């Protein structure tokens, strides 16, 4: 069983800009189980990962996988250093994305090199 955070500013679809996202759908899922929505995060502005920096204790650091519409190199590295896999995808449906993740059919976009 894995814990997924899906970027979703509207709580319906996968949305872009993972580092600045404050709303996440949290799912538990496994290869043989359907994704189960277990929580919705609505973080304060200072808790978006772009603002958080490298401090410990962010709730997204407890996830196994983050699925996002888009994400940058720094986002992927920051999560990877915490053992969290970050995947940018053009897929817009959260549960479909999780199912495709386990089937190894999730389309993956390029990670962007953002300079802020």
N, C-alpha and C. Protein backbone atom coordinates (compact mmCIF):
# COMPACT_ATOMS: atom_id res chain seq x y z
N UNK A 1 0.84 -1.18 0.00
CA UNK A 1 0.00 0.00 0.00
C UNK A 1 0.88 1.24 0.00
N UNK A 2 0.52 2.20 -0.85
CA UNK A 2 1.26 3.46 -0.93
C UNK A 2 0.31 4.61 -0.61
N UNK A 3 0.89 5.69 -0.13
CA UNK A 3 0.14 6.93 0.11
C UNK A 3 0.51 7.93 -0.99
N UNK A 4 -0.52 8.45 -1.66
CA UNK A 4 -0.36 9.39 -2.76
C UNK A 4 -0.89 10.77 -2.37
N UNK A 5 -0.18 11.81 -2.78
CA UNK A 5 -0.69 13.17 -2.74
C UNK A 5 -0.83 13.62 -4.18
N UNK A 6 -2.01 14.11 -4.53
CA UNK A 6 -2.28 14.56 -5.89
C UNK A 6 -2.57 16.06 -5.84
N UNK A 7 -1.81 16.85 -6.60
CA UNK A 7 -2.04 18.29 -6.62
C UNK A 7 -3.41 18.57 -7.21
N UNK A 8 -4.24 19.31 -6.46
CA UNK A 8 -5.60 19.55 -6.94
C UNK A 8 -6.16 20.81 -6.29
N UNK A 9 -5.90 21.94 -6.91
CA UNK A 9 -6.41 23.20 -6.38
C UNK A 9 -7.94 23.23 -6.34
N UNK A 10 -8.61 22.45 -7.21
CA UNK A 10 -10.07 22.43 -7.26
C UNK A 10 -10.68 21.19 -6.61
N UNK A 11 -9.84 20.32 -6.05
CA UNK A 11 -10.29 19.06 -5.41
C UNK A 11 -11.05 18.15 -6.36
N UNK A 12 -10.82 18.30 -7.66
CA UNK A 12 -11.47 17.42 -8.64
C UNK A 12 -10.48 16.83 -9.63
N UNK A 13 -9.59 17.69 -10.14
CA UNK A 13 -8.65 17.26 -11.18
C UNK A 13 -7.21 17.51 -10.74
N UNK A 14 -6.30 16.88 -11.44
CA UNK A 14 -4.87 17.11 -11.19
C UNK A 14 -4.52 18.47 -11.79
N UNK A 15 -3.93 19.33 -10.98
CA UNK A 15 -3.61 20.68 -11.43
C UNK A 15 -2.09 20.89 -11.44
N UNK A 16 -1.62 21.90 -12.19
CA UNK A 16 -0.18 22.14 -12.34
C UNK A 16 0.43 22.92 -11.17
N UNK A 17 1.72 23.22 -11.34
CA UNK A 17 2.49 24.05 -10.40
C UNK A 17 2.60 23.41 -9.02
N UNK A 18 3.17 22.22 -8.97
CA UNK A 18 3.24 21.45 -7.73
C UNK A 18 3.88 22.22 -6.58
N UNK A 19 4.94 22.96 -6.85
CA UNK A 19 5.63 23.66 -5.78
C UNK A 19 4.81 24.76 -5.13
N UNK A 20 3.84 25.29 -5.86
CA UNK A 20 3.02 26.37 -5.32
C UNK A 20 1.62 25.90 -4.92
N UNK A 21 1.33 24.62 -5.14
CA UNK A 21 0.03 24.06 -4.79
C UNK A 21 -0.13 24.00 -3.28
N UNK A 22 -1.32 24.34 -2.81
CA UNK A 22 -1.63 24.25 -1.39
C UNK A 22 -2.73 23.23 -1.12
N UNK A 23 -3.36 22.74 -2.17
CA UNK A 23 -4.44 21.77 -1.99
C UNK A 23 -4.03 20.45 -2.64
N UNK A 24 -4.20 19.40 -1.86
CA UNK A 24 -3.84 18.05 -2.29
C UNK A 24 -4.95 17.09 -1.92
N UNK A 25 -5.20 16.14 -2.81
CA UNK A 25 -6.05 14.98 -2.50
C UNK A 25 -5.11 13.87 -2.04
N UNK A 26 -5.42 13.25 -0.92
CA UNK A 26 -4.57 12.20 -0.36
C UNK A 26 -5.29 10.86 -0.52
N UNK A 27 -4.59 9.92 -1.16
CA UNK A 27 -5.15 8.59 -1.43
C UNK A 27 -4.24 7.51 -0.85
N UNK A 28 -4.87 6.42 -0.44
CA UNK A 28 -4.17 5.17 -0.18
C UNK A 28 -4.53 4.23 -1.33
N UNK A 29 -3.54 3.52 -1.85
CA UNK A 29 -3.80 2.59 -2.96
C UNK A 29 -2.68 1.58 -3.06
N UNK A 30 -3.00 0.47 -3.66
CA UNK A 30 -2.02 -0.57 -3.93
C UNK A 30 -2.27 -1.16 -5.30
N UNK A 31 -1.38 -2.03 -5.75
CA UNK A 31 -1.54 -2.61 -7.09
C UNK A 31 -2.84 -3.39 -7.25
N UNK A 32 -3.34 -3.93 -6.17
CA UNK A 32 -4.55 -4.77 -6.23
C UNK A 32 -5.76 -4.10 -5.60
N UNK A 33 -5.65 -2.83 -5.21
CA UNK A 33 -6.76 -2.14 -4.56
C UNK A 33 -7.07 -0.84 -5.29
N UNK A 34 -8.34 -0.47 -5.29
CA UNK A 34 -8.73 0.81 -5.88
C UNK A 34 -8.25 1.95 -5.00
N UNK A 35 -7.93 3.08 -5.61
CA UNK A 35 -7.54 4.25 -4.82
C UNK A 35 -8.66 4.66 -3.87
N UNK A 36 -8.29 4.93 -2.63
CA UNK A 36 -9.26 5.37 -1.63
C UNK A 36 -8.87 6.76 -1.14
N UNK A 37 -9.77 7.73 -1.35
CA UNK A 37 -9.54 9.09 -0.87
C UNK A 37 -9.62 9.08 0.65
N UNK A 38 -8.53 9.49 1.30
CA UNK A 38 -8.49 9.46 2.76
C UNK A 38 -8.40 10.84 3.40
N UNK A 39 -8.07 11.87 2.61
CA UNK A 39 -7.95 13.21 3.18
C UNK A 39 -7.87 14.24 2.06
N UNK A 40 -8.15 15.47 2.42
CA UNK A 40 -7.95 16.63 1.54
C UNK A 40 -7.14 17.62 2.34
N UNK A 41 -5.98 18.02 1.80
CA UNK A 41 -5.17 19.03 2.46
C UNK A 41 -5.47 20.40 1.87
N UNK A 42 -5.60 21.39 2.72
CA UNK A 42 -5.73 22.78 2.31
C UNK A 42 -4.74 23.55 3.18
N UNK A 43 -3.53 23.67 2.70
CA UNK A 43 -2.43 24.22 3.48
C UNK A 43 -2.42 25.75 3.44
N UNK A 44 -1.95 26.39 4.51
CA UNK A 44 -1.75 27.84 4.46
C UNK A 44 -0.69 28.20 3.43
N UNK A 45 -0.72 29.45 2.97
CA UNK A 45 0.19 29.88 1.90
C UNK A 45 1.65 29.61 2.23
N UNK A 46 2.04 29.79 3.49
CA UNK A 46 3.44 29.59 3.86
C UNK A 46 3.84 28.12 3.90
N UNK A 47 2.86 27.21 3.66
CA UNK A 47 3.19 25.79 3.62
C UNK A 47 3.21 25.20 2.22
N UNK A 48 3.06 26.04 1.18
CA UNK A 48 3.30 25.49 -0.15
C UNK A 48 4.79 25.13 -0.18
N UNK A 49 5.15 24.11 -0.90
CA UNK A 49 6.53 23.62 -0.85
C UNK A 49 7.54 24.63 -1.35
N UNK A 50 7.12 25.52 -2.24
CA UNK A 50 8.00 26.58 -2.73
C UNK A 50 8.44 27.49 -1.58
N UNK A 51 7.53 27.78 -0.68
CA UNK A 51 7.82 28.65 0.47
C UNK A 51 8.46 27.88 1.64
N UNK A 52 8.17 26.60 1.75
CA UNK A 52 8.59 25.79 2.89
C UNK A 52 10.11 25.65 2.99
N UNK A 53 10.76 25.60 1.85
CA UNK A 53 12.21 25.42 1.86
C UNK A 53 12.59 23.99 2.21
N UNK A 54 13.68 23.82 2.93
CA UNK A 54 14.19 22.48 3.26
C UNK A 54 13.94 22.09 4.71
N UNK A 55 13.04 22.79 5.38
CA UNK A 55 12.72 22.45 6.76
C UNK A 55 12.06 21.07 6.83
N UNK A 56 12.22 20.40 7.94
CA UNK A 56 11.54 19.13 8.18
C UNK A 56 10.07 19.37 8.53
N UNK A 57 9.31 18.28 8.52
CA UNK A 57 7.96 18.31 9.06
C UNK A 57 6.82 18.65 8.13
N UNK A 58 7.07 18.79 6.85
CA UNK A 58 5.97 19.08 5.92
C UNK A 58 5.14 17.82 5.70
N UNK A 59 3.79 17.93 5.68
CA UNK A 59 2.95 16.73 5.51
C UNK A 59 3.18 15.99 4.20
N UNK A 60 3.61 16.67 3.15
CA UNK A 60 3.85 16.00 1.87
C UNK A 60 5.08 15.09 1.96
N UNK A 61 5.99 15.38 2.88
CA UNK A 61 7.17 14.53 3.05
C UNK A 61 6.81 13.15 3.59
N UNK A 62 5.58 12.97 4.06
CA UNK A 62 5.12 11.68 4.58
C UNK A 62 4.52 10.80 3.49
N UNK A 63 4.40 11.32 2.28
CA UNK A 63 3.80 10.57 1.17
C UNK A 63 4.84 9.65 0.53
N UNK A 64 4.34 8.70 -0.25
CA UNK A 64 5.21 7.84 -1.06
C UNK A 64 5.37 8.42 -2.46
N UNK A 65 4.27 8.98 -2.99
CA UNK A 65 4.25 9.48 -4.36
C UNK A 65 3.45 10.78 -4.40
N UNK A 66 3.94 11.76 -5.16
CA UNK A 66 3.18 12.97 -5.47
C UNK A 66 2.97 12.99 -6.98
N UNK A 67 1.72 13.12 -7.37
CA UNK A 67 1.37 13.22 -8.79
C UNK A 67 0.89 14.65 -9.03
N UNK A 68 1.45 15.30 -10.06
CA UNK A 68 1.14 16.70 -10.33
C UNK A 68 0.99 16.94 -11.82
N UNK A 69 0.30 18.02 -12.16
CA UNK A 69 0.20 18.41 -13.57
C UNK A 69 1.54 18.85 -14.12
N UNK A 70 2.28 19.62 -13.34
CA UNK A 70 3.64 20.04 -13.70
C UNK A 70 4.44 20.20 -12.41
N UNK A 71 5.75 20.05 -12.56
CA UNK A 71 6.64 20.31 -11.42
C UNK A 71 8.04 20.59 -11.95
N UNK A 72 8.80 21.27 -11.12
CA UNK A 72 10.14 21.66 -11.51
C UNK A 72 11.21 20.73 -10.96
N UNK A 73 12.42 20.93 -11.44
CA UNK A 73 13.56 20.12 -11.02
C UNK A 73 13.77 20.20 -9.51
N UNK A 74 13.69 21.41 -8.95
CA UNK A 74 13.89 21.56 -7.51
C UNK A 74 12.84 20.81 -6.70
N UNK A 75 11.60 20.81 -7.17
CA UNK A 75 10.53 20.08 -6.50
C UNK A 75 10.84 18.58 -6.48
N UNK A 76 11.21 18.05 -7.63
CA UNK A 76 11.53 16.62 -7.74
C UNK A 76 12.71 16.26 -6.83
N UNK A 77 13.73 17.11 -6.83
CA UNK A 77 14.91 16.85 -5.99
C UNK A 77 14.57 16.94 -4.51
N UNK A 78 13.81 17.96 -4.13
CA UNK A 78 13.44 18.14 -2.72
C UNK A 78 12.68 16.93 -2.21
N UNK A 79 11.71 16.46 -2.99
CA UNK A 79 10.94 15.29 -2.57
C UNK A 79 11.78 14.02 -2.64
N UNK A 80 12.57 13.89 -3.69
CA UNK A 80 13.42 12.72 -3.82
C UNK A 80 14.38 12.57 -2.65
N UNK A 81 14.89 13.69 -2.15
CA UNK A 81 15.78 13.65 -0.98
C UNK A 81 15.06 13.16 0.26
N UNK A 82 13.74 13.21 0.25
CA UNK A 82 12.91 12.75 1.38
C UNK A 82 12.31 11.37 1.11
N UNK A 83 12.69 10.76 -0.01
CA UNK A 83 12.18 9.43 -0.34
C UNK A 83 10.80 9.45 -0.98
N UNK A 84 10.39 10.60 -1.50
CA UNK A 84 9.08 10.74 -2.13
C UNK A 84 9.26 10.85 -3.64
N UNK A 85 8.54 10.03 -4.38
CA UNK A 85 8.59 10.06 -5.84
C UNK A 85 7.66 11.15 -6.35
N UNK A 86 8.14 12.04 -7.21
CA UNK A 86 7.32 13.10 -7.80
C UNK A 86 7.17 12.85 -9.29
N UNK A 87 5.91 12.87 -9.77
CA UNK A 87 5.63 12.54 -11.16
C UNK A 87 4.76 13.61 -11.79
N UNK A 88 5.28 14.32 -12.81
CA UNK A 88 4.42 15.23 -13.58
C UNK A 88 3.72 14.44 -14.69
N UNK A 89 2.43 14.70 -14.86
CA UNK A 89 1.66 13.94 -15.85
C UNK A 89 0.61 14.81 -16.52
N UNK A 90 0.29 14.52 -17.78
CA UNK A 90 -0.82 15.21 -18.43
C UNK A 90 -2.19 14.63 -18.03
N UNK A 91 -2.19 13.47 -17.37
CA UNK A 91 -3.45 12.86 -16.90
C UNK A 91 -4.12 13.85 -15.95
N UNK A 92 -5.44 13.99 -16.05
CA UNK A 92 -6.14 14.96 -15.20
C UNK A 92 -7.02 14.32 -14.14
N UNK A 93 -7.32 13.04 -14.26
CA UNK A 93 -8.17 12.37 -13.27
C UNK A 93 -7.30 11.69 -12.21
N UNK A 94 -7.44 12.08 -10.94
CA UNK A 94 -6.57 11.53 -9.89
C UNK A 94 -6.61 10.00 -9.77
N UNK A 95 -7.79 9.43 -9.74
CA UNK A 95 -7.88 7.98 -9.54
C UNK A 95 -7.37 7.21 -10.76
N UNK A 96 -7.63 7.73 -11.95
CA UNK A 96 -7.09 7.12 -13.16
C UNK A 96 -5.57 7.17 -13.13
N UNK A 97 -5.02 8.30 -12.71
CA UNK A 97 -3.56 8.43 -12.64
C UNK A 97 -2.95 7.40 -11.69
N UNK A 98 -3.58 7.19 -10.56
CA UNK A 98 -3.05 6.23 -9.59
C UNK A 98 -3.13 4.81 -10.15
N UNK A 99 -4.24 4.49 -10.78
CA UNK A 99 -4.37 3.15 -11.39
C UNK A 99 -3.30 2.95 -12.47
N UNK A 100 -3.10 3.98 -13.30
CA UNK A 100 -2.09 3.88 -14.35
C UNK A 100 -0.68 3.82 -13.77
N UNK A 101 -0.45 4.45 -12.63
CA UNK A 101 0.84 4.37 -11.95
C UNK A 101 1.18 2.91 -11.66
N UNK A 102 0.23 2.19 -11.09
CA UNK A 102 0.47 0.78 -10.75
C UNK A 102 0.55 -0.11 -11.98
N UNK A 103 -0.11 0.29 -13.07
CA UNK A 103 -0.06 -0.49 -14.31
C UNK A 103 1.15 -0.10 -15.17
N UNK A 104 1.95 0.86 -14.68
CA UNK A 104 3.11 1.37 -15.43
C UNK A 104 2.71 1.97 -16.77
N UNK A 105 1.50 2.57 -16.81
CA UNK A 105 1.03 3.20 -18.05
C UNK A 105 0.74 4.69 -17.86
N UNK A 106 1.12 5.26 -16.71
CA UNK A 106 0.89 6.68 -16.47
C UNK A 106 1.80 7.50 -17.37
N UNK A 107 1.21 8.36 -18.24
CA UNK A 107 2.06 9.21 -19.07
C UNK A 107 2.79 10.22 -18.18
N UNK A 108 4.07 10.41 -18.47
CA UNK A 108 4.89 11.30 -17.66
C UNK A 108 5.40 12.44 -18.53
N UNK A 109 5.20 13.67 -18.04
CA UNK A 109 5.72 14.84 -18.72
C UNK A 109 7.15 15.12 -18.28
N UNK A 110 7.81 16.00 -19.01
CA UNK A 110 9.15 16.41 -18.62
C UNK A 110 9.09 17.27 -17.37
N UNK A 111 10.12 17.17 -16.56
CA UNK A 111 10.27 18.04 -15.42
C UNK A 111 10.85 19.35 -15.94
N UNK A 112 10.26 20.46 -15.50
CA UNK A 112 10.69 21.78 -15.99
C UNK A 112 11.81 22.34 -15.12
N UNK A 113 12.66 23.10 -15.75
CA UNK A 113 13.74 23.78 -15.04
C UNK A 113 13.27 25.20 -14.77
N UNK A 114 12.62 25.39 -13.61
CA UNK A 114 12.07 26.70 -13.26
C UNK A 114 13.14 27.57 -12.63
N UNK A 115 13.15 28.82 -12.99
CA UNK A 115 14.04 29.81 -12.35
C UNK A 115 13.15 30.91 -11.82
N UNK A 116 13.02 30.97 -10.51
CA UNK A 116 12.15 31.98 -9.88
C UNK A 116 12.98 33.13 -9.39
